[in-house]
Amino acid sequence: MKKESRKGFTQHHFRNLIEYCKNGAGFTLVELLVVIVIISVLAGLLVSNFIGVRLRGRDAQRKSDLAQIQSALELYRADNGYYPATLYSTACPTSGSFSYNSIVYMRKIPCDPLQKTNYTYTAAPAGCSTDCTTYRIYACLENTNDSNKDANDGQAGDLCTSAGVVSYTVINP
């Protein structure tokens, strides 16, 4: 007759493990500390990478929001011949829609994903109401190394006054 082989961890394996440990075999304290240090370094690298990904994700959302607002502003100008003097009617996070004469250009104007504040919109010339010919809208990016950040040209360099952020500006095309 053929003997059946057992799979898995059997009592025989357990006895061998106990004898192995009794003979002084095992890990030294230094070996354990080295493994703990290596795991800690790897965990630290992963956590810092996840934080960077979240920053870049919020910045991508800001850029997308400004592109959507820019599209709505261009539709508004095509219908009316000028840009609106103001964009937001209420403060974020409950910002309303962007509409004029029962035409809705945006159902909900987006807000900054982290601060939950309005993006800064400025129409020009200053004091215009129905004759605004240009606009500028900007967001503050968290990734200071972003390739699309504004150059520090005296105009855009001082838009974001908080430390650790840079501005990203969209103007009329």
Protein backbone atom coordinates (compact mmCIF):
# COMPACT_ATOMS: atom_id res chain seq x y z
CA MET A 1 0.00 0.00 0.00
CA LYS A 2 1.02 3.52 -0.75
CA LYS A 3 1.59 5.82 2.24
CA GLU A 4 -0.30 9.11 2.09
CA SER A 5 1.83 12.23 2.38
CA ARG A 6 0.65 14.96 4.67
CA LYS A 7 0.75 18.52 3.47
CA GLY A 8 1.21 21.56 5.64
CA PHE A 9 2.74 22.05 9.06
CA THR A 10 2.56 18.77 10.98
CA GLN A 11 3.46 17.75 14.53
CA HIS A 12 6.77 16.40 13.22
CA HIS A 13 7.67 19.86 11.88
CA PHE A 14 6.73 21.46 15.18
CA ARG A 15 9.04 19.11 17.16
CA ASN A 16 11.92 19.89 14.82
CA LEU A 17 11.32 23.64 15.28
CA ILE A 18 11.38 23.33 19.08
CA GLU A 19 14.64 21.34 18.98
CA TYR A 20 16.14 23.90 16.59
CA CYS A 21 15.32 26.76 18.96
CA LYS A 22 16.64 24.85 22.01
CA ASN A 23 20.03 24.45 20.37
CA GLY A 24 20.56 28.24 20.47
CA ALA A 25 19.65 28.92 16.89
CA GLY A 26 17.77 32.13 16.15
CA PHE A 27 18.34 35.81 15.40
CA THR A 28 20.67 38.02 17.37
CA LEU A 29 19.61 41.38 18.69
CA VAL A 30 21.80 43.16 16.13
CA GLU A 31 20.17 41.28 13.25
CA LEU A 32 16.72 42.17 14.53
CA LEU A 33 17.68 45.84 14.90
CA VAL A 34 19.08 45.95 11.35
CA VAL A 35 15.83 44.54 9.96
CA ILE A 36 13.76 47.04 11.99
CA VAL A 37 15.89 49.96 10.73
CA ILE A 38 15.55 48.83 7.10
CA ILE A 39 11.77 48.49 7.43
CA SER A 40 11.55 51.92 9.09
CA VAL A 41 13.54 53.59 6.31
CA LEU A 42 11.37 51.99 3.64
CA ALA A 43 8.19 53.00 5.46
CA GLY A 44 9.45 56.59 5.75
CA LEU A 45 10.17 56.75 2.03
CA LEU A 46 6.73 55.42 1.17
CA VAL A 47 4.93 57.89 3.46
CA SER A 48 6.80 60.88 2.05
CA ASN A 49 6.01 59.71 -1.49
CA PHE A 50 2.30 59.42 -0.70
CA ILE A 51 2.28 62.98 0.65
CA GLY A 52 3.85 64.22 -2.61
CA VAL A 53 1.25 62.37 -4.65
CA ARG A 54 -1.56 64.01 -2.70
CA LEU A 55 -0.04 67.49 -3.26
CA ARG A 56 0.29 66.91 -6.99
CA GLY A 57 -3.25 65.52 -7.12
CA ARG A 58 -4.72 68.64 -5.50
CA ASP A 59 -2.65 70.84 -7.83
CA ALA A 60 -3.96 68.92 -10.85
CA GLN A 61 -7.49 69.51 -9.55
CA ARG A 62 -6.79 73.25 -9.23
CA LYS A 63 -5.48 73.45 -12.81
CA SER A 64 -8.49 71.53 -14.08
CA ASP A 65 -10.84 73.84 -12.16
CA LEU A 66 -9.24 76.93 -13.67
CA ALA A 67 -9.47 75.42 -17.17
CA GLN A 68 -13.20 74.76 -16.64
CA ILE A 69 -13.74 78.29 -15.34
CA GLN A 70 -11.82 79.67 -18.32
CA SER A 71 -14.07 77.73 -20.72
CA ALA A 72 -17.18 79.09 -19.00
CA LEU A 73 -15.79 82.64 -19.14
CA GLU A 74 -15.10 82.32 -22.86
CA LEU A 75 -18.65 81.08 -23.47
CA TYR A 76 -19.96 84.06 -21.48
CA ARG A 77 -17.86 86.48 -23.54
CA ALA A 78 -19.01 84.86 -26.81
CA ASP A 79 -22.65 85.44 -25.77
CA ASN A 80 -22.28 88.91 -24.24
CA GLY A 81 -19.21 90.49 -25.82
CA TYR A 82 -17.40 91.08 -22.50
CA TYR A 83 -16.24 89.22 -19.41
CA PRO A 84 -18.17 89.41 -16.12
CA ALA A 85 -16.95 91.89 -13.52
CA THR A 86 -17.31 89.30 -10.75
CA LEU A 87 -17.42 85.54 -10.79
CA TYR A 88 -18.47 84.30 -7.36
CA SER A 89 -21.78 85.33 -5.86
CA THR A 90 -21.28 83.36 -2.63
CA ALA A 91 -18.27 82.09 -0.73
CA CYS A 92 -17.02 78.55 -1.02
CA PRO A 93 -17.71 75.77 -0.24
CA THR A 94 -21.31 76.68 -1.14
CA SER A 95 -20.48 78.67 -4.26
CA GLY A 96 -23.40 79.04 -6.60
CA SER A 97 -23.72 78.69 -10.32
CA PHE A 98 -22.27 80.99 -12.95
CA SER A 99 -25.21 82.18 -15.05
CA TYR A 100 -26.52 85.24 -16.85
CA ASN A 101 -29.97 85.88 -18.37
CA SER A 102 -31.11 82.33 -17.57
CA ILE A 103 -28.11 80.81 -19.37
CA VAL A 104 -26.08 78.61 -17.04
CA TYR A 105 -22.38 78.56 -17.88
CA MET A 106 -21.38 76.47 -14.84
CA ARG A 107 -23.75 74.71 -12.45
CA LYS A 108 -21.30 75.06 -9.57
CA ILE A 109 -18.17 77.15 -9.63
CA PRO A 110 -15.34 75.01 -8.21
CA CYS A 111 -13.43 75.89 -5.04
CA ASP A 112 -9.89 75.18 -3.92
CA PRO A 113 -9.78 71.48 -2.94
CA LEU A 114 -7.81 71.99 0.27
CA GLN A 115 -8.68 75.45 1.58
CA LYS A 116 -12.32 75.38 0.37
CA THR A 117 -11.97 79.01 -0.71
CA ASN A 118 -12.78 80.83 -3.95
CA TYR A 119 -10.17 81.12 -6.64
CA THR A 120 -9.16 84.76 -7.12
CA TYR A 121 -10.80 86.33 -10.17
CA THR A 122 -9.95 89.84 -11.38
CA ALA A 123 -11.57 91.52 -14.38
CA ALA A 124 -9.94 94.44 -16.16
CA PRO A 125 -9.92 97.32 -16.71
CA ALA A 126 -10.38 98.16 -13.03
CA GLY A 127 -13.94 99.16 -12.17
CA CYS A 128 -15.50 97.65 -15.30
CA SER A 129 -19.04 96.34 -15.18
CA THR A 130 -20.23 95.62 -18.72
CA ASP A 131 -17.04 96.48 -20.56
CA CYS A 132 -14.50 94.06 -19.04
CA THR A 133 -12.06 93.11 -21.78
CA THR A 134 -9.63 90.85 -19.91
CA TYR A 135 -9.46 88.76 -16.77
CA ARG A 136 -7.00 86.92 -14.58
CA ILE A 137 -7.84 84.01 -12.29
CA TYR A 138 -5.25 82.23 -10.18
CA ALA A 139 -4.76 79.44 -7.70
CA CYS A 140 -1.99 78.74 -5.21
CA LEU A 141 -0.20 75.45 -5.94
CA GLU A 142 1.30 73.39 -3.14
CA ASN A 143 4.04 71.83 -5.28
CA THR A 144 6.63 74.60 -5.49
CA ASN A 145 8.48 72.70 -8.25
CA ASP A 146 5.47 72.55 -10.57
CA SER A 147 6.46 73.06 -14.19
CA ASN A 148 3.42 75.29 -14.84
CA LYS A 149 3.92 77.72 -11.96
CA ASP A 150 4.06 81.42 -12.71
CA ALA A 151 7.41 83.00 -13.35
CA ASN A 152 8.35 85.62 -10.77
CA ASP A 153 7.89 88.62 -13.04
CA GLY A 154 6.71 91.14 -10.47
CA GLN A 155 3.07 90.59 -11.39
CA ALA A 156 2.50 86.93 -10.73
CA GLY A 157 5.24 86.37 -8.15
CA ASP A 158 3.35 88.02 -5.31
CA LEU A 159 -0.12 86.54 -5.89
CA CYS A 160 0.28 83.80 -3.28
CA THR A 161 1.63 85.24 -0.08
CA SER A 162 1.64 82.05 2.03
CA ALA A 163 4.93 80.25 2.51
CA GLY A 164 5.44 77.04 0.56
CA VAL A 165 3.04 77.78 -2.29
CA VAL A 166 3.39 79.20 -5.80
CA SER A 167 0.84 80.81 -8.06
CA TYR A 168 -0.69 79.44 -11.25
CA THR A 169 -2.49 82.04 -13.36
CA VAL A 170 -4.94 81.72 -16.23
CA ILE A 171 -5.70 84.77 -18.35
CA ASN A 172 -8.02 85.29 -21.29
CA PRO A 173 -6.60 83.78 -24.47
